[in-house]
N, C-alpha and C. Protein backbone atom coordinates (compact mmCIF):
# COMPACT_ATOMS: atom_id res chain seq x y z
N MET A 1 -38.84 -14.52 -25.83
CA MET A 1 -37.83 -14.83 -24.82
C MET A 1 -37.60 -13.59 -23.97
N LYS A 2 -37.33 -13.85 -22.69
CA LYS A 2 -37.10 -12.77 -21.74
C LYS A 2 -35.72 -12.91 -21.12
N LEU A 3 -35.13 -11.76 -20.78
CA LEU A 3 -33.82 -11.76 -20.13
C LEU A 3 -33.82 -10.73 -19.01
N ALA A 4 -33.22 -11.09 -17.89
CA ALA A 4 -33.00 -10.15 -16.79
C ALA A 4 -31.52 -10.17 -16.45
N ALA A 5 -30.87 -9.01 -16.51
CA ALA A 5 -29.46 -8.90 -16.13
C ALA A 5 -29.40 -8.21 -14.78
N LEU A 6 -28.56 -8.76 -13.90
CA LEU A 6 -28.40 -8.24 -12.54
C LEU A 6 -27.10 -7.46 -12.45
N PHE A 7 -27.21 -6.17 -12.13
CA PHE A 7 -26.06 -5.28 -12.00
C PHE A 7 -25.91 -4.93 -10.52
N PRO A 8 -24.99 -5.59 -9.80
CA PRO A 8 -24.88 -5.38 -8.36
C PRO A 8 -24.21 -4.07 -7.98
N GLY A 9 -24.17 -3.84 -6.68
CA GLY A 9 -23.45 -2.68 -6.15
C GLY A 9 -22.00 -3.03 -5.91
N ILE A 10 -21.28 -2.13 -5.31
CA ILE A 10 -19.85 -2.36 -5.04
C ILE A 10 -19.68 -3.44 -3.99
N GLY A 11 -20.37 -3.33 -2.87
CA GLY A 11 -20.28 -4.35 -1.83
C GLY A 11 -21.54 -5.17 -1.72
N TYR A 12 -22.52 -4.82 -2.51
CA TYR A 12 -23.82 -5.49 -2.48
C TYR A 12 -23.93 -6.38 -3.71
N THR A 13 -23.48 -7.61 -3.55
CA THR A 13 -23.37 -8.55 -4.66
C THR A 13 -24.72 -9.21 -4.98
N CYS A 14 -24.73 -10.03 -5.99
CA CYS A 14 -25.97 -10.69 -6.45
C CYS A 14 -26.49 -11.73 -5.47
N ASP A 15 -25.71 -12.07 -4.44
CA ASP A 15 -26.19 -13.04 -3.46
C ASP A 15 -26.74 -12.37 -2.20
N LYS A 16 -26.81 -11.05 -2.19
CA LYS A 16 -27.43 -10.32 -1.07
C LYS A 16 -28.94 -10.26 -1.31
N PRO A 17 -29.73 -10.07 -0.24
CA PRO A 17 -31.19 -10.25 -0.35
C PRO A 17 -31.90 -9.54 -1.49
N LEU A 18 -31.72 -8.25 -1.65
CA LEU A 18 -32.46 -7.54 -2.70
C LEU A 18 -32.17 -8.10 -4.08
N MET A 19 -30.91 -8.34 -4.37
CA MET A 19 -30.52 -8.86 -5.69
C MET A 19 -30.87 -10.34 -5.84
N TYR A 20 -30.63 -11.11 -4.80
CA TYR A 20 -30.89 -12.54 -4.84
C TYR A 20 -32.37 -12.81 -5.14
N TYR A 21 -33.25 -12.17 -4.37
CA TYR A 21 -34.68 -12.43 -4.56
C TYR A 21 -35.21 -11.80 -5.84
N ALA A 22 -34.68 -10.67 -6.24
CA ALA A 22 -35.09 -10.09 -7.53
C ALA A 22 -34.71 -11.05 -8.67
N GLY A 23 -33.54 -11.63 -8.58
CA GLY A 23 -33.12 -12.62 -9.58
C GLY A 23 -34.00 -13.85 -9.58
N LYS A 24 -34.38 -14.32 -8.39
CA LYS A 24 -35.27 -15.48 -8.29
C LYS A 24 -36.64 -15.17 -8.91
N LEU A 25 -37.14 -13.95 -8.63
CA LEU A 25 -38.42 -13.55 -9.22
C LEU A 25 -38.33 -13.46 -10.74
N ALA A 26 -37.22 -12.96 -11.24
CA ALA A 26 -37.04 -12.86 -12.69
C ALA A 26 -37.04 -14.26 -13.31
N ALA A 27 -36.35 -15.20 -12.68
CA ALA A 27 -36.33 -16.58 -13.19
C ALA A 27 -37.74 -17.16 -13.14
N GLN A 28 -38.45 -16.92 -12.06
CA GLN A 28 -39.83 -17.41 -11.91
C GLN A 28 -40.74 -16.81 -12.98
N ALA A 29 -40.42 -15.59 -13.43
CA ALA A 29 -41.22 -14.93 -14.48
C ALA A 29 -40.82 -15.39 -15.88
N GLY A 30 -39.91 -16.34 -15.96
CA GLY A 30 -39.52 -16.90 -17.25
C GLY A 30 -38.32 -16.24 -17.90
N CYS A 31 -37.61 -15.43 -17.15
CA CYS A 31 -36.43 -14.75 -17.70
C CYS A 31 -35.19 -15.63 -17.60
N THR A 32 -34.33 -15.53 -18.60
CA THR A 32 -32.97 -16.01 -18.46
C THR A 32 -32.28 -14.97 -17.59
N VAL A 33 -31.67 -15.39 -16.50
CA VAL A 33 -31.05 -14.45 -15.56
C VAL A 33 -29.54 -14.45 -15.75
N VAL A 34 -29.00 -13.25 -15.97
CA VAL A 34 -27.57 -13.09 -16.21
C VAL A 34 -26.98 -12.17 -15.14
N PRO A 35 -26.26 -12.73 -14.15
CA PRO A 35 -25.59 -11.86 -13.18
C PRO A 35 -24.36 -11.22 -13.82
N VAL A 36 -24.20 -9.93 -13.63
CA VAL A 36 -23.05 -9.21 -14.17
C VAL A 36 -22.10 -8.99 -12.99
N ASN A 37 -21.22 -9.96 -12.78
CA ASN A 37 -20.37 -9.96 -11.60
C ASN A 37 -19.05 -9.24 -11.86
N TYR A 38 -19.11 -7.92 -11.76
CA TYR A 38 -17.89 -7.12 -11.92
C TYR A 38 -17.25 -6.91 -10.55
N GLY A 39 -16.04 -6.39 -10.55
CA GLY A 39 -15.35 -6.18 -9.27
C GLY A 39 -14.02 -5.48 -9.47
N GLY A 40 -13.21 -5.50 -8.40
CA GLY A 40 -11.89 -4.87 -8.46
C GLY A 40 -11.95 -3.36 -8.28
N PHE A 41 -12.89 -2.90 -7.45
CA PHE A 41 -13.08 -1.47 -7.24
C PHE A 41 -12.06 -0.90 -6.25
N PRO A 42 -11.80 0.39 -6.34
CA PRO A 42 -10.93 1.02 -5.34
C PRO A 42 -11.61 1.00 -3.97
N ARG A 43 -10.82 1.04 -2.94
CA ARG A 43 -11.36 1.10 -1.58
C ARG A 43 -11.72 2.55 -1.25
N GLY A 44 -12.65 2.71 -0.31
CA GLY A 44 -13.00 4.04 0.16
C GLY A 44 -13.72 4.89 -0.86
N VAL A 45 -14.65 4.29 -1.59
CA VAL A 45 -15.36 5.00 -2.65
C VAL A 45 -16.33 6.04 -2.10
N LYS A 46 -17.03 5.69 -1.01
CA LYS A 46 -18.05 6.59 -0.47
C LYS A 46 -17.45 7.94 -0.10
N GLY A 47 -18.05 8.99 -0.66
CA GLY A 47 -17.61 10.34 -0.36
C GLY A 47 -16.43 10.83 -1.19
N ASP A 48 -15.90 9.97 -2.05
CA ASP A 48 -14.76 10.35 -2.89
C ASP A 48 -15.20 10.31 -4.35
N ALA A 49 -15.46 11.48 -4.91
CA ALA A 49 -16.02 11.57 -6.26
C ALA A 49 -15.11 10.91 -7.30
N GLU A 50 -13.82 11.07 -7.17
CA GLU A 50 -12.89 10.49 -8.15
C GLU A 50 -12.91 8.96 -8.08
N LYS A 51 -12.90 8.40 -6.88
CA LYS A 51 -12.96 6.94 -6.74
C LYS A 51 -14.31 6.40 -7.23
N MET A 52 -15.38 7.15 -6.99
CA MET A 52 -16.70 6.73 -7.46
C MET A 52 -16.73 6.73 -8.99
N ARG A 53 -16.17 7.76 -9.60
CA ARG A 53 -16.11 7.82 -11.06
C ARG A 53 -15.31 6.65 -11.60
N ARG A 54 -14.18 6.34 -10.95
CA ARG A 54 -13.33 5.22 -11.38
C ARG A 54 -14.08 3.89 -11.22
N ALA A 55 -14.79 3.72 -10.10
CA ALA A 55 -15.56 2.48 -9.88
C ALA A 55 -16.63 2.33 -10.96
N PHE A 56 -17.28 3.43 -11.32
CA PHE A 56 -18.29 3.40 -12.38
C PHE A 56 -17.65 2.98 -13.70
N GLU A 57 -16.51 3.56 -14.03
CA GLU A 57 -15.81 3.19 -15.27
C GLU A 57 -15.42 1.72 -15.27
N ILE A 58 -14.92 1.23 -14.15
CA ILE A 58 -14.53 -0.19 -14.04
C ILE A 58 -15.75 -1.08 -14.28
N ALA A 59 -16.86 -0.77 -13.62
CA ALA A 59 -18.07 -1.58 -13.77
C ALA A 59 -18.59 -1.53 -15.21
N CYS A 60 -18.54 -0.36 -15.83
CA CYS A 60 -18.99 -0.24 -17.23
C CYS A 60 -18.10 -1.05 -18.17
N GLU A 61 -16.79 -0.95 -18.00
CA GLU A 61 -15.85 -1.70 -18.85
C GLU A 61 -16.06 -3.20 -18.70
N GLN A 62 -16.19 -3.65 -17.45
CA GLN A 62 -16.37 -5.07 -17.22
C GLN A 62 -17.74 -5.55 -17.73
N SER A 63 -18.76 -4.72 -17.60
CA SER A 63 -20.09 -5.07 -18.13
C SER A 63 -20.03 -5.27 -19.64
N ASP A 64 -19.30 -4.38 -20.32
CA ASP A 64 -19.13 -4.52 -21.77
C ASP A 64 -18.59 -5.90 -22.12
N LYS A 65 -17.59 -6.34 -21.40
CA LYS A 65 -16.97 -7.64 -21.67
C LYS A 65 -17.88 -8.79 -21.27
N LEU A 66 -18.49 -8.69 -20.09
CA LEU A 66 -19.32 -9.78 -19.58
C LEU A 66 -20.59 -10.00 -20.40
N LEU A 67 -21.08 -8.95 -21.05
CA LEU A 67 -22.34 -9.05 -21.80
C LEU A 67 -22.14 -9.04 -23.31
N ALA A 68 -20.90 -9.09 -23.75
CA ALA A 68 -20.57 -8.94 -25.18
C ALA A 68 -21.20 -9.99 -26.08
N ASP A 69 -21.43 -11.19 -25.58
CA ASP A 69 -21.92 -12.27 -26.42
C ASP A 69 -23.44 -12.38 -26.49
N ILE A 70 -24.14 -11.49 -25.83
CA ILE A 70 -25.61 -11.57 -25.82
C ILE A 70 -26.18 -10.89 -27.06
N ASP A 71 -27.07 -11.61 -27.75
CA ASP A 71 -27.79 -11.04 -28.88
C ASP A 71 -29.09 -10.44 -28.34
N TRP A 72 -29.06 -9.16 -28.03
CA TRP A 72 -30.19 -8.49 -27.38
C TRP A 72 -31.45 -8.53 -28.24
N ARG A 73 -31.30 -8.61 -29.56
CA ARG A 73 -32.47 -8.65 -30.45
C ARG A 73 -33.25 -9.94 -30.31
N ALA A 74 -32.66 -10.97 -29.72
CA ALA A 74 -33.33 -12.25 -29.56
C ALA A 74 -34.38 -12.23 -28.44
N TYR A 75 -34.40 -11.15 -27.66
CA TYR A 75 -35.28 -11.08 -26.50
C TYR A 75 -36.42 -10.09 -26.72
N THR A 76 -37.62 -10.52 -26.34
CA THR A 76 -38.80 -9.66 -26.48
C THR A 76 -39.02 -8.80 -25.24
N ASP A 77 -38.42 -9.18 -24.13
CA ASP A 77 -38.54 -8.42 -22.88
C ASP A 77 -37.21 -8.46 -22.16
N ILE A 78 -36.65 -7.29 -21.90
CA ILE A 78 -35.36 -7.19 -21.22
C ILE A 78 -35.54 -6.31 -19.99
N VAL A 79 -35.09 -6.83 -18.85
CA VAL A 79 -35.14 -6.07 -17.61
C VAL A 79 -33.73 -6.05 -17.03
N PHE A 80 -33.28 -4.86 -16.68
CA PHE A 80 -32.01 -4.70 -15.99
C PHE A 80 -32.34 -4.36 -14.53
N ILE A 81 -31.83 -5.17 -13.63
CA ILE A 81 -32.04 -4.97 -12.20
C ILE A 81 -30.72 -4.51 -11.60
N GLY A 82 -30.71 -3.29 -11.09
CA GLY A 82 -29.48 -2.73 -10.56
C GLY A 82 -29.61 -2.36 -9.10
N LYS A 83 -28.47 -2.40 -8.42
CA LYS A 83 -28.38 -1.99 -7.01
C LYS A 83 -27.27 -0.97 -6.89
N SER A 84 -27.59 0.21 -6.36
CA SER A 84 -26.60 1.26 -6.10
C SER A 84 -25.88 1.67 -7.38
N ILE A 85 -24.57 1.53 -7.43
CA ILE A 85 -23.81 1.90 -8.64
C ILE A 85 -24.28 1.07 -9.83
N GLY A 86 -24.78 -0.14 -9.55
CA GLY A 86 -25.29 -0.99 -10.62
C GLY A 86 -26.49 -0.40 -11.33
N THR A 87 -27.24 0.49 -10.67
CA THR A 87 -28.36 1.15 -11.34
C THR A 87 -27.85 2.08 -12.43
N ALA A 88 -26.77 2.80 -12.12
CA ALA A 88 -26.19 3.72 -13.11
C ALA A 88 -25.54 2.95 -14.25
N VAL A 89 -24.85 1.86 -13.92
CA VAL A 89 -24.20 1.03 -14.94
C VAL A 89 -25.25 0.43 -15.87
N ALA A 90 -26.32 -0.11 -15.29
CA ALA A 90 -27.38 -0.73 -16.10
C ALA A 90 -28.04 0.30 -17.01
N ALA A 91 -28.39 1.45 -16.46
CA ALA A 91 -29.07 2.48 -17.25
C ALA A 91 -28.16 2.98 -18.38
N ARG A 92 -26.90 3.19 -18.07
CA ARG A 92 -25.95 3.65 -19.09
C ARG A 92 -25.77 2.59 -20.17
N TYR A 93 -25.62 1.33 -19.75
CA TYR A 93 -25.43 0.24 -20.71
C TYR A 93 -26.61 0.19 -21.68
N ALA A 94 -27.83 0.26 -21.15
CA ALA A 94 -29.02 0.22 -22.00
C ALA A 94 -29.05 1.41 -22.96
N ARG A 95 -28.76 2.58 -22.45
CA ARG A 95 -28.81 3.80 -23.29
C ARG A 95 -27.75 3.75 -24.38
N MET A 96 -26.52 3.40 -24.02
CA MET A 96 -25.41 3.43 -24.98
C MET A 96 -25.57 2.39 -26.09
N ARG A 97 -26.30 1.31 -25.81
CA ARG A 97 -26.47 0.25 -26.81
C ARG A 97 -27.85 0.24 -27.44
N GLY A 98 -28.69 1.17 -27.05
CA GLY A 98 -30.03 1.22 -27.60
C GLY A 98 -30.88 0.01 -27.23
N ILE A 99 -30.65 -0.54 -26.05
CA ILE A 99 -31.39 -1.71 -25.59
C ILE A 99 -32.66 -1.23 -24.89
N PRO A 100 -33.83 -1.69 -25.32
CA PRO A 100 -35.08 -1.24 -24.71
C PRO A 100 -35.36 -1.94 -23.38
N ALA A 101 -34.45 -1.82 -22.45
CA ALA A 101 -34.59 -2.49 -21.16
C ALA A 101 -35.45 -1.68 -20.20
N ARG A 102 -36.29 -2.39 -19.48
CA ARG A 102 -36.98 -1.80 -18.33
C ARG A 102 -36.02 -1.92 -17.15
N LEU A 103 -36.07 -0.96 -16.23
CA LEU A 103 -35.09 -0.91 -15.15
C LEU A 103 -35.74 -1.04 -13.78
N VAL A 104 -35.16 -1.92 -12.95
CA VAL A 104 -35.48 -1.98 -11.53
C VAL A 104 -34.31 -1.31 -10.83
N LEU A 105 -34.58 -0.19 -10.18
CA LEU A 105 -33.53 0.62 -9.55
C LEU A 105 -33.61 0.46 -8.03
N LEU A 106 -32.77 -0.42 -7.51
CA LEU A 106 -32.72 -0.66 -6.07
C LEU A 106 -31.68 0.28 -5.47
N THR A 107 -32.13 1.20 -4.67
CA THR A 107 -31.32 2.26 -4.06
C THR A 107 -30.39 2.93 -5.07
N PRO A 108 -30.99 3.58 -6.06
CA PRO A 108 -30.17 4.20 -7.11
C PRO A 108 -29.36 5.39 -6.61
N LEU A 109 -28.29 5.65 -7.32
CA LEU A 109 -27.51 6.87 -7.13
C LEU A 109 -28.14 7.94 -8.00
N LEU A 110 -27.96 9.18 -7.64
CA LEU A 110 -28.56 10.27 -8.41
C LEU A 110 -28.08 10.27 -9.86
N GLU A 111 -26.83 9.87 -10.09
CA GLU A 111 -26.26 9.83 -11.44
C GLU A 111 -27.00 8.86 -12.36
N THR A 112 -27.68 7.90 -11.78
CA THR A 112 -28.44 6.93 -12.57
C THR A 112 -29.41 7.63 -13.51
N PHE A 113 -30.02 8.70 -13.03
CA PHE A 113 -31.09 9.36 -13.78
C PHE A 113 -30.58 10.16 -14.97
N ASP A 114 -29.26 10.25 -15.12
CA ASP A 114 -28.68 10.84 -16.33
C ASP A 114 -28.90 9.93 -17.53
N TYR A 115 -29.21 8.66 -17.28
CA TYR A 115 -29.31 7.66 -18.35
C TYR A 115 -30.68 7.02 -18.47
N THR A 116 -31.61 7.32 -17.56
CA THR A 116 -32.91 6.65 -17.59
C THR A 116 -33.89 7.40 -18.49
N ASP A 117 -34.94 6.68 -18.89
CA ASP A 117 -35.94 7.28 -19.78
C ASP A 117 -37.36 7.09 -19.26
N GLY A 118 -37.50 6.73 -18.01
CA GLY A 118 -38.83 6.58 -17.43
C GLY A 118 -39.36 5.17 -17.38
N HIS A 119 -38.77 4.24 -18.09
CA HIS A 119 -39.24 2.85 -18.08
C HIS A 119 -38.58 2.11 -16.92
N ALA A 120 -38.99 2.50 -15.70
CA ALA A 120 -38.30 2.00 -14.51
C ALA A 120 -39.22 2.06 -13.30
N ILE A 121 -38.74 1.44 -12.24
CA ILE A 121 -39.32 1.57 -10.91
C ILE A 121 -38.12 1.73 -9.97
N ALA A 122 -38.27 2.57 -8.95
CA ALA A 122 -37.15 2.85 -8.04
C ALA A 122 -37.54 2.60 -6.59
N PHE A 123 -36.55 2.20 -5.80
CA PHE A 123 -36.72 1.94 -4.38
C PHE A 123 -35.61 2.68 -3.63
N HIS A 124 -36.00 3.40 -2.58
CA HIS A 124 -35.04 4.24 -1.86
C HIS A 124 -35.40 4.30 -0.39
N GLY A 125 -34.39 4.29 0.46
CA GLY A 125 -34.58 4.47 1.89
C GLY A 125 -34.30 5.91 2.27
N THR A 126 -35.13 6.48 3.14
CA THR A 126 -34.99 7.90 3.48
C THR A 126 -33.75 8.19 4.34
N ALA A 127 -33.08 7.16 4.84
CA ALA A 127 -31.84 7.35 5.59
C ALA A 127 -30.64 6.83 4.80
N ASP A 128 -30.76 6.82 3.50
CA ASP A 128 -29.68 6.34 2.62
C ASP A 128 -28.58 7.40 2.57
N PRO A 129 -27.38 7.07 3.08
CA PRO A 129 -26.30 8.06 3.09
C PRO A 129 -25.63 8.25 1.72
N TRP A 130 -25.98 7.42 0.74
CA TRP A 130 -25.36 7.52 -0.58
C TRP A 130 -26.14 8.42 -1.54
N ALA A 131 -27.41 8.69 -1.23
CA ALA A 131 -28.24 9.49 -2.13
C ALA A 131 -29.32 10.20 -1.32
N ALA A 132 -29.44 11.49 -1.49
CA ALA A 132 -30.44 12.28 -0.78
C ALA A 132 -31.84 12.00 -1.31
N THR A 133 -32.76 11.83 -0.41
CA THR A 133 -34.14 11.51 -0.76
C THR A 133 -34.75 12.57 -1.66
N ASP A 134 -34.53 13.85 -1.36
CA ASP A 134 -35.12 14.91 -2.18
C ASP A 134 -34.66 14.82 -3.63
N GLY A 135 -33.38 14.57 -3.84
CA GLY A 135 -32.85 14.45 -5.20
C GLY A 135 -33.41 13.26 -5.94
N ILE A 136 -33.49 12.12 -5.27
CA ILE A 136 -34.03 10.91 -5.88
C ILE A 136 -35.51 11.12 -6.22
N ALA A 137 -36.27 11.69 -5.28
CA ALA A 137 -37.69 11.92 -5.49
C ALA A 137 -37.92 12.87 -6.67
N LEU A 138 -37.13 13.92 -6.76
CA LEU A 138 -37.27 14.89 -7.85
C LEU A 138 -36.94 14.24 -9.20
N ALA A 139 -35.84 13.49 -9.25
CA ALA A 139 -35.44 12.82 -10.49
C ALA A 139 -36.52 11.83 -10.94
N CYS A 140 -37.07 11.08 -10.01
CA CYS A 140 -38.14 10.12 -10.36
C CYS A 140 -39.38 10.87 -10.85
N ALA A 141 -39.75 11.94 -10.16
CA ALA A 141 -40.93 12.71 -10.56
C ALA A 141 -40.76 13.29 -11.96
N ARG A 142 -39.59 13.81 -12.26
CA ARG A 142 -39.34 14.41 -13.58
C ARG A 142 -39.49 13.39 -14.71
N GLN A 143 -39.14 12.13 -14.43
CA GLN A 143 -39.20 11.11 -15.48
C GLN A 143 -40.41 10.19 -15.38
N GLY A 144 -41.27 10.46 -14.40
CA GLY A 144 -42.46 9.63 -14.24
C GLY A 144 -42.14 8.23 -13.75
N ILE A 145 -41.06 8.09 -13.00
CA ILE A 145 -40.66 6.78 -12.47
C ILE A 145 -41.30 6.59 -11.10
N PRO A 146 -42.08 5.53 -10.93
CA PRO A 146 -42.66 5.25 -9.61
C PRO A 146 -41.53 5.04 -8.59
N LEU A 147 -41.67 5.69 -7.44
CA LEU A 147 -40.66 5.61 -6.38
C LEU A 147 -41.30 5.04 -5.13
N LYS A 148 -40.73 3.97 -4.63
CA LYS A 148 -41.17 3.35 -3.38
C LYS A 148 -40.18 3.76 -2.30
N LEU A 149 -40.64 4.59 -1.36
CA LEU A 149 -39.78 5.06 -0.27
C LEU A 149 -39.98 4.19 0.96
N THR A 150 -38.87 3.89 1.63
CA THR A 150 -38.92 3.18 2.90
C THR A 150 -38.39 4.13 3.97
N GLU A 151 -39.26 4.54 4.85
CA GLU A 151 -38.93 5.49 5.90
C GLU A 151 -37.85 4.93 6.82
N GLY A 152 -36.79 5.70 7.02
CA GLY A 152 -35.73 5.34 7.95
C GLY A 152 -34.80 4.25 7.48
N ALA A 153 -34.92 3.82 6.23
CA ALA A 153 -34.08 2.72 5.71
C ALA A 153 -32.80 3.25 5.11
N ASN A 154 -31.76 2.44 5.21
CA ASN A 154 -30.44 2.80 4.70
C ASN A 154 -30.26 2.36 3.24
N HIS A 155 -29.03 2.30 2.79
CA HIS A 155 -28.71 1.97 1.40
C HIS A 155 -29.00 0.51 1.05
N SER A 156 -29.30 -0.31 2.04
CA SER A 156 -29.72 -1.69 1.81
C SER A 156 -31.20 -1.88 2.05
N LEU A 157 -31.92 -0.76 2.19
CA LEU A 157 -33.34 -0.74 2.54
C LEU A 157 -33.58 -1.43 3.88
N GLU A 158 -32.65 -1.24 4.81
CA GLU A 158 -32.77 -1.81 6.15
C GLU A 158 -32.81 -0.70 7.19
N THR A 159 -33.57 -0.97 8.26
CA THR A 159 -33.70 -0.01 9.35
C THR A 159 -33.00 -0.44 10.62
N GLY A 160 -32.64 -1.72 10.70
CA GLY A 160 -32.07 -2.27 11.93
C GLY A 160 -33.10 -3.07 12.72
N ASP A 161 -34.37 -2.93 12.39
CA ASP A 161 -35.44 -3.71 13.00
C ASP A 161 -35.71 -4.88 12.05
N VAL A 162 -35.32 -6.07 12.45
CA VAL A 162 -35.38 -7.23 11.56
C VAL A 162 -36.79 -7.49 11.05
N THR A 163 -37.78 -7.38 11.92
CA THR A 163 -39.16 -7.61 11.49
C THR A 163 -39.56 -6.59 10.42
N MET A 164 -39.22 -5.33 10.64
CA MET A 164 -39.53 -4.28 9.66
C MET A 164 -38.77 -4.53 8.36
N ASP A 165 -37.50 -4.94 8.48
CA ASP A 165 -36.67 -5.17 7.29
C ASP A 165 -37.22 -6.33 6.45
N LEU A 166 -37.71 -7.37 7.10
CA LEU A 166 -38.30 -8.48 6.36
C LEU A 166 -39.60 -8.05 5.67
N LYS A 167 -40.37 -7.20 6.34
CA LYS A 167 -41.59 -6.66 5.74
C LYS A 167 -41.24 -5.81 4.52
N THR A 168 -40.21 -4.97 4.65
CA THR A 168 -39.77 -4.13 3.54
C THR A 168 -39.30 -4.99 2.37
N LEU A 169 -38.52 -6.03 2.66
CA LEU A 169 -38.03 -6.93 1.62
C LEU A 169 -39.22 -7.58 0.90
N THR A 170 -40.21 -8.03 1.65
CA THR A 170 -41.39 -8.65 1.05
C THR A 170 -42.15 -7.67 0.17
N GLU A 171 -42.36 -6.46 0.67
CA GLU A 171 -43.09 -5.45 -0.10
C GLU A 171 -42.31 -5.02 -1.35
N THR A 172 -41.01 -4.90 -1.20
CA THR A 172 -40.16 -4.54 -2.34
C THR A 172 -40.21 -5.62 -3.41
N MET A 173 -40.09 -6.86 -3.00
CA MET A 173 -40.10 -7.96 -3.97
C MET A 173 -41.47 -8.12 -4.61
N GLU A 174 -42.54 -7.81 -3.90
CA GLU A 174 -43.87 -7.87 -4.50
C GLU A 174 -43.99 -6.80 -5.59
N ALA A 175 -43.45 -5.62 -5.34
CA ALA A 175 -43.45 -4.56 -6.37
C ALA A 175 -42.57 -4.95 -7.56
N VAL A 176 -41.44 -5.59 -7.29
CA VAL A 176 -40.58 -6.07 -8.37
C VAL A 176 -41.30 -7.14 -9.18
N ARG A 177 -41.98 -8.06 -8.50
CA ARG A 177 -42.72 -9.12 -9.18
C ARG A 177 -43.77 -8.51 -10.13
N ARG A 178 -44.51 -7.52 -9.63
CA ARG A 178 -45.53 -6.87 -10.47
C ARG A 178 -44.88 -6.18 -11.66
N PHE A 179 -43.75 -5.51 -11.43
CA PHE A 179 -43.04 -4.81 -12.51
C PHE A 179 -42.56 -5.82 -13.56
N LEU A 180 -42.03 -6.94 -13.12
CA LEU A 180 -41.56 -7.97 -14.05
C LEU A 180 -42.70 -8.53 -14.89
N SER A 181 -43.88 -8.64 -14.29
CA SER A 181 -45.02 -9.19 -15.03
C SER A 181 -45.73 -8.14 -15.86
N GLY A 182 -45.30 -6.89 -15.73
CA GLY A 182 -45.90 -5.82 -16.53
C GLY A 182 -47.18 -5.27 -15.93
N VAL A 183 -47.48 -5.65 -14.70
CA VAL A 183 -48.71 -5.19 -14.03
C VAL A 183 -48.50 -3.81 -13.44
């Protein structure tokens, strides 16, 4: 049995393109898909370390409750798909519970890599105001995590050019599909 848990961002919920299609691909790959719909974050998190720390704590506490009834030992393949702060929450959750989850890191925060062990793939836009490209690239290189960079893309992997953004979404989801299938 396979399971994929979706850990969204603060404003980037499971119904936004990256998370929505990653979830659809996980279901297509035979995974039971579990959206971890946490919320109630403070406003104005960006650029405020204390509010970001509090948002992370809120997401972690709510994840504990939302996932409490899952028997992780029943699954032979577990994938955690995270977006932004959800990448850090997913990685921490897996580490703290000893869950052998593979991680899809959609626009991860640098703090995510405090909890990862290399069993991941990461996607980052070079114009992401939430995480510096150099730091993300270095963290991925240190852990052997494949990093897919999108030139000029923001925290949603978008550039403002719709045609380019659709191409990026397609390429990103193809990489996610391969990762889910173990290729």
